[in-house]
Structure formats: C-alpha cells, structure tokens
C-alpha cells in the first residue's frame, strides 16, 4: 500500500515539474540609462542614451522624473532601434533632478542631473 502511494505521489511531482518547465516565464527586460552630463546650467539640453534587452524594436521608452514619491512621465520619448535609444530634454529650474527611463514594466536605474 505504501509503495503504491509513493509511486502515485512521485508521478504527480514529475508531472507537475514537467508542466512548470513548459510554462517558464519569459526573460526579464532591462534598460540602461546614461546622461551626457551630471551638472548643467538652466536651459541646457542633456542627452540620455541607453541599451535595452528583451524589448522589441520600435518600442517607445519614456523619460521620467521623480516628483516627491511619485514618477512623472516627461514628453521626452524615443523609439528603440538596434537595441538602443537616444533622447534629449532641457531643464528649466535649478536643483537636482532624479530621472529614469521606462518601457512597460521595465525600468532603468536612476540617474541624477544637477541643474545650476
């Protein structure tokens, strides 16, 4: 009786493992972000570049700025081409701006630009 129960449990585990292997999640998407300057003057244009992995050609990435605890999308966007992107933005007020780039659920690490 015990042998039969162990055999049934083992078969169930093997079947569950095979199902899990078939339903493996897709690889995670990633985005890098680099600013052309870390410190700029008010009105200067900053170029942001980066590479993407797992994001379709032609997808749109959006530059976001941190406003308190939330992220606000800026009008600066770019289309992914050859697994990379390039966009620009101009800063009109003094201070430290914390920025990131986003596409769907993929988000880059933050970069800071000091505006003087």
Protein backbone atom coordinates (compact mmCIF):
# COMPACT_ATOMS: atom_id res chain seq x y z
CA UNK A 1 0.00 0.00 0.00
CA UNK A 2 2.79 2.45 0.93
CA UNK A 3 4.71 1.67 -2.26
CA UNK A 4 1.64 2.45 -4.37
CA UNK A 5 1.10 5.76 -2.55
CA UNK A 6 4.75 6.76 -3.02
CA UNK A 7 4.58 5.86 -6.72
CA UNK A 8 1.43 7.97 -7.22
CA UNK A 9 2.97 10.93 -5.34
CA UNK A 10 6.20 10.65 -7.36
CA UNK A 11 4.28 10.55 -10.64
CA UNK A 12 2.33 13.64 -9.62
CA UNK A 13 5.53 15.51 -8.77
CA UNK A 14 7.15 14.55 -12.07
CA UNK A 15 4.04 15.65 -13.99
CA UNK A 16 3.93 18.97 -12.09
CA UNK A 17 7.62 19.55 -12.77
CA UNK A 18 7.15 18.93 -16.49
CA UNK A 19 4.25 21.38 -16.56
CA UNK A 20 6.28 24.03 -14.73
CA UNK A 21 9.16 23.62 -17.18
CA UNK A 22 6.85 24.21 -20.14
CA UNK A 23 5.35 27.35 -18.57
CA UNK A 24 8.70 29.02 -17.81
CA UNK A 25 8.49 32.82 -17.62
CA UNK A 26 9.85 34.96 -20.43
CA UNK A 27 13.27 36.53 -19.85
CA UNK A 28 13.13 39.83 -17.99
CA UNK A 29 13.51 43.07 -19.92
CA UNK A 30 16.19 45.55 -18.94
CA UNK A 31 17.10 49.15 -19.76
CA UNK A 32 20.28 51.10 -19.04
CA UNK A 33 20.45 54.89 -18.75
CA UNK A 34 23.33 57.35 -19.08
CA UNK A 35 23.18 61.17 -19.05
CA UNK A 36 25.58 63.18 -21.20
CA UNK A 37 26.30 65.48 -18.23
CA UNK A 38 25.91 65.25 -14.47
CA UNK A 39 25.83 69.02 -13.97
CA UNK A 40 24.27 71.55 -16.36
CA UNK A 41 23.05 75.14 -16.38
CA UNK A 42 19.39 76.11 -16.56
CA UNK A 43 18.25 75.78 -20.18
CA UNK A 44 20.99 73.32 -21.21
CA UNK A 45 20.00 70.25 -23.19
CA UNK A 46 21.00 66.85 -21.79
CA UNK A 47 21.19 63.75 -23.99
CA UNK A 48 20.14 60.44 -22.46
CA UNK A 49 21.26 57.18 -24.03
CA UNK A 50 20.96 53.56 -23.16
CA UNK A 51 20.68 49.98 -24.28
CA UNK A 52 17.75 47.62 -23.94
CA UNK A 53 17.47 43.86 -23.65
CA UNK A 54 14.24 41.95 -24.13
CA UNK A 55 12.37 44.98 -25.53
CA UNK A 56 11.01 44.96 -29.09
CA UNK A 57 12.40 47.13 -31.88
CA UNK A 58 10.22 50.21 -32.28
CA UNK A 59 9.01 50.19 -28.66
CA UNK A 60 8.78 53.60 -27.04
CA UNK A 61 10.82 54.45 -23.93
CA UNK A 62 9.79 57.43 -21.82
CA UNK A 63 11.95 59.66 -19.63
CA UNK A 64 10.51 60.10 -16.13
CA UNK A 65 11.42 62.49 -13.31
CA UNK A 66 10.89 61.85 -9.61
CA UNK A 67 8.44 64.29 -8.04
CA UNK A 68 8.34 63.61 -4.31
CA UNK A 69 7.48 59.92 -4.02
CA UNK A 70 5.97 59.51 -7.48
CA UNK A 71 7.39 59.30 -11.00
CA UNK A 72 6.10 61.71 -13.64
CA UNK A 73 6.49 60.99 -17.36
CA UNK A 74 8.10 63.78 -19.35
CA UNK A 75 7.29 64.48 -23.02
CA UNK A 76 10.76 63.15 -23.93
CA UNK A 77 10.37 59.76 -25.64
CA UNK A 78 12.39 57.68 -28.09
CA UNK A 79 11.88 54.54 -30.15
CA UNK A 80 14.14 51.55 -29.60
CA UNK A 81 16.38 50.91 -32.61
CA UNK A 82 19.09 48.23 -32.75
CA UNK A 83 18.61 47.54 -29.02
CA UNK A 84 19.38 51.15 -28.07
CA UNK A 85 17.74 54.57 -27.71
CA UNK A 86 18.69 58.25 -27.54
CA UNK A 87 16.57 61.16 -26.28
CA UNK A 88 17.07 64.70 -25.06
CA UNK A 89 15.50 67.00 -22.51
CA UNK A 90 16.05 70.56 -21.31
CA UNK A 91 15.89 71.59 -17.66
CA UNK A 92 14.31 74.94 -16.76
CA UNK A 93 14.71 75.06 -12.97
CA UNK A 94 17.62 74.75 -10.57
CA UNK A 95 18.06 71.73 -8.37
CA UNK A 96 18.83 68.04 -8.55
CA UNK A 97 16.64 66.06 -10.94
CA UNK A 98 16.37 62.29 -10.43
CA UNK A 99 15.46 60.57 -13.69
CA UNK A 100 14.80 57.13 -15.14
CA UNK A 101 13.61 55.61 -18.41
CA UNK A 102 10.62 53.28 -18.59
CA UNK A 103 9.08 50.92 -21.12
CA UNK A 104 6.08 48.96 -19.86
CA UNK A 105 7.26 47.22 -16.69
CA UNK A 106 10.98 47.59 -17.49
CA UNK A 107 12.63 50.50 -15.68
CA UNK A 108 16.24 51.73 -15.72
CA UNK A 109 18.30 52.61 -12.68
CA UNK A 110 18.04 56.26 -11.62
CA UNK A 111 20.47 58.96 -12.72
CA UNK A 112 20.81 62.42 -11.19
CA UNK A 113 21.39 65.67 -13.05
CA UNK A 114 22.27 68.80 -11.07
CA UNK A 115 20.90 71.98 -12.66
CA UNK A 116 22.65 75.23 -11.63
